[in-house]
Protein backbone atom coordinates (compact mmCIF):
# COMPACT_ATOMS: atom_id res chain seq x y z
CA MET A 1 28.06 123.73 113.10
CA THR A 2 31.42 121.32 112.90
CA LYS A 3 32.57 118.59 115.37
CA LYS A 4 35.94 118.69 116.29
CA VAL A 5 37.78 115.71 116.49
CA LYS A 6 39.10 114.89 119.62
CA ASN A 7 41.02 111.93 119.19
CA PRO A 8 44.65 111.97 118.13
CA ALA A 9 44.38 108.85 115.84
CA SER A 10 41.43 109.93 114.28
CA LYS A 11 43.17 113.09 113.37
CA LEU A 12 45.76 111.31 112.25
CA ALA A 13 43.55 108.51 109.78
CA ILE A 14 42.08 112.25 108.64
CA GLY A 15 45.46 113.91 107.36
CA LEU A 16 46.70 110.50 105.98
CA ALA A 17 43.54 110.15 104.01
CA PHE A 18 43.81 113.71 102.78
CA SER A 19 47.43 113.32 102.03
CA CYS A 20 46.84 109.71 100.17
CA ILE A 21 43.91 111.62 97.86
CA SER A 22 45.86 114.45 97.27
CA VAL A 23 49.05 112.46 96.09
CA ILE A 24 46.58 110.28 93.44
CA LEU A 25 44.78 113.67 92.08
CA ASN A 26 48.61 115.24 91.79
CA THR A 27 50.51 112.12 90.46
CA GLY A 28 47.64 111.52 87.48
CA ILE A 29 46.88 108.09 89.23
CA ALA A 30 43.35 109.18 89.25
CA SER A 31 43.15 109.55 85.36
CA GLU A 32 45.46 106.25 85.40
CA ILE A 33 42.72 104.54 87.27
CA SER A 34 39.44 105.80 85.32
CA LEU A 35 41.02 105.10 82.00
CA ALA A 36 41.68 101.60 82.93
CA LYS A 37 37.78 101.33 84.38
CA SER A 38 36.49 103.58 81.10
CA SER A 39 38.53 101.51 78.49
CA ASN A 40 37.25 98.42 77.03
CA SER A 41 39.84 95.17 77.05
CA GLN A 42 39.81 92.68 75.00
CA LYS A 43 40.95 89.10 74.61
CA CYS A 44 42.88 88.66 71.61
CA ASN A 45 44.73 85.70 69.83
CA LEU A 46 46.76 87.18 66.74
CA PHE A 47 50.26 88.43 64.71
CA ALA A 48 51.45 91.63 64.02
CA TYR A 49 54.81 93.14 63.08
CA VAL A 50 56.61 96.28 63.82
CA THR A 51 56.05 99.24 61.54
CA ASP A 52 57.58 101.33 63.70
CA THR A 53 60.58 103.29 62.11
CA ASP A 54 62.77 105.03 65.29
CA SER A 55 65.74 103.73 65.16
CA GLN A 56 65.64 102.59 69.46
CA GLY A 57 62.67 100.49 67.86
CA LEU A 58 59.03 100.20 69.35
CA ASN A 59 58.39 101.19 73.13
CA VAL A 60 56.77 98.36 75.09
CA ARG A 61 55.57 100.49 78.14
CA SER A 62 54.29 98.10 81.35
CA GLY A 63 50.62 99.74 80.73
CA ALA A 64 48.21 100.87 78.16
CA SER A 65 49.51 104.81 78.75
CA THR A 66 52.80 106.81 77.73
CA ASN A 67 52.62 107.63 81.46
CA ASN A 68 53.56 103.80 82.13
CA VAL A 69 57.55 103.13 82.71
CA ILE A 70 59.32 101.78 79.17
CA ILE A 71 60.28 97.95 79.88
CA GLY A 72 62.02 97.34 76.36
CA GLN A 73 61.89 98.15 72.26
CA ILE A 74 61.25 96.03 69.91
CA PRO A 75 62.91 96.40 66.40
CA ILE A 76 61.12 97.65 62.98
CA LYS A 77 59.46 94.59 61.02
CA GLU A 78 59.50 91.95 63.99
CA THR A 79 56.44 90.12 64.92
CA VAL A 80 54.82 90.18 67.90
CA HIS A 81 52.03 88.12 69.69
CA VAL A 82 48.66 90.37 70.40
CA ILE A 83 46.89 89.14 73.44
CA GLY A 84 45.17 92.20 74.27
CA ALA A 85 43.41 95.82 73.28
CA ALA A 86 42.16 98.51 75.63
CA GLY A 87 41.76 101.61 73.26
CA ASN A 88 44.56 102.73 71.16
CA TRP A 89 46.91 100.09 72.59
CA VAL A 90 47.65 96.73 72.60
CA GLN A 91 49.24 94.68 74.82
CA ILE A 92 51.57 92.02 73.41
CA THR A 93 54.06 89.11 74.13
CA ASN A 94 57.53 87.59 73.24
CA ALA A 95 58.71 89.58 69.89
CA SER A 96 60.26 87.04 67.67
CA ASN A 97 63.51 89.45 68.41
CA GLY A 98 64.06 92.03 70.70
CA PHE A 99 61.47 92.16 73.73
CA GLN A 100 60.71 88.98 75.84
CA GLY A 101 57.91 89.38 78.08
CA THR A 102 54.19 90.84 78.59
CA GLY A 103 53.67 94.59 77.74
CA TRP A 104 51.72 97.21 76.18
CA VAL A 105 52.33 98.85 72.29
CA PHE A 106 51.01 102.03 70.60
CA VAL A 107 48.37 99.93 67.61
CA PRO A 108 49.47 102.66 65.15
CA LYS A 109 52.93 101.20 65.09
CA LEU A 110 52.13 97.91 63.96
CA GLY A 111 50.39 95.91 60.92
CA LEU A 112 49.53 93.38 58.98
CA THR A 113 49.97 91.91 55.43
CA THR A 114 47.12 89.81 53.90
CA ARG A 115 47.21 86.66 52.96
CA GLY A 116 44.72 85.51 50.25
CA TYR A 117 46.03 81.47 50.18
CA GLY A 118 45.23 80.65 46.14
CA THR A 119 43.07 83.64 45.45
CA ASN A 120 43.85 87.30 44.41
CA SER A 121 42.17 89.10 47.72
CA VAL A 122 40.54 88.94 51.02
CA ASP A 123 37.03 89.62 52.44
CA PHE A 124 36.63 92.61 54.45
CA TYR A 125 33.66 92.70 56.97
CA ALA A 126 31.97 95.57 58.54
CA SER A 127 32.31 93.84 62.02
CA SER A 128 33.85 91.15 63.69
CA SER A 129 31.84 88.29 62.53
CA GLN A 130 31.32 86.44 58.83
CA LYS A 131 27.65 87.12 58.92
CA SER A 132 28.39 90.79 59.12
CA GLN A 133 28.49 92.91 55.67
CA LYS A 134 31.44 92.47 53.41
CA LEU A 135 32.81 95.73 52.90
CA ARG A 136 35.35 94.93 50.18
CA ARG A 137 38.05 92.59 48.70
CA ILE A 138 41.22 93.66 49.61
CA PRO A 139 44.54 92.32 47.19
CA ALA A 140 46.68 89.69 48.77
CA ASN A 141 50.03 90.16 49.94
CA MET A 142 49.14 93.87 50.43
CA PRO A 143 49.68 95.78 54.01
CA VAL A 144 46.82 97.07 55.97
CA LYS A 145 47.04 99.11 58.85
CA LEU A 146 46.56 97.41 62.60
CA LEU A 147 44.02 99.33 64.48
CA GLY A 148 42.91 96.78 67.45
CA CYS A 149 41.27 93.23 67.53
CA GLN A 150 38.97 91.34 68.97
CA GLY A 151 39.64 87.62 69.83
CA ASP A 152 41.60 86.30 66.37
CA TRP A 153 39.97 88.79 64.46
CA ALA A 154 41.96 92.05 63.46
CA GLN A 155 40.80 95.54 62.89
CA VAL A 156 42.08 97.22 60.14
CA GLU A 157 42.46 100.43 57.72
CA TYR A 158 42.95 100.12 53.95
CA GLN A 159 42.73 102.82 51.77
CA GLY A 160 40.96 104.64 54.16
CA VAL A 161 38.26 102.05 55.06
CA LYS A 162 38.05 100.41 58.31
CA GLY A 163 37.12 96.65 58.49
CA TRP A 164 37.77 93.36 59.85
CA LEU A 165 39.71 90.56 58.47
CA THR A 166 39.25 86.87 60.00
CA ARG A 167 42.84 84.97 61.13
CA GLU A 168 42.76 83.46 58.23
CA GLU A 169 43.79 86.45 56.34
CA GLN A 170 46.22 87.90 58.58
CA CYS A 171 49.65 87.33 57.95
CA GLY A 172 51.34 89.13 61.26
CA ALA A 173 55.25 88.45 59.63
CA ALA A 174 56.94 91.31 57.76
CA LEU A 175 59.23 89.33 55.96
CA THR A 176 57.16 86.47 54.74
CA SER A 177 54.05 85.92 53.17
CA CYS A 178 53.09 83.90 55.72
CA SER A 179 52.01 81.18 52.63
């Protein structure tokens, strides 16, 4: 047995509710909302440089998805300050040249170089803790692929091995050795 709604205001409210739900589902907003809720957003504090070779530069977006609006570009080899991470995206602020402000970039388009002050190599850890297992040593001044971050630790890949570098062993400038 179904109950009929007699109040015109109630009919309007129900109609609007269904219309809003329809818009949310059909525009992809629902998947963005669920993606935002399901992703573990991490706070970060490190520097990286742009490795994207697109002549237009690396796209900076308003959110952590290709569905978000492009709000700027950053040229190759420019340094960015990484302040957050969500999945395969990092939140950046104020590039050394180009984009000024805060936005999101696709993390595989960024890299770091190892430092190795006064040594020939740096430690590469299994997790973002110096108490974790040392996976290997990476030569000093070696480019590595950025995968993500947690605090001031950088998750990177070197020769197919994924691990973590301390802040002291990261160089986020492509054109200098940071030494």
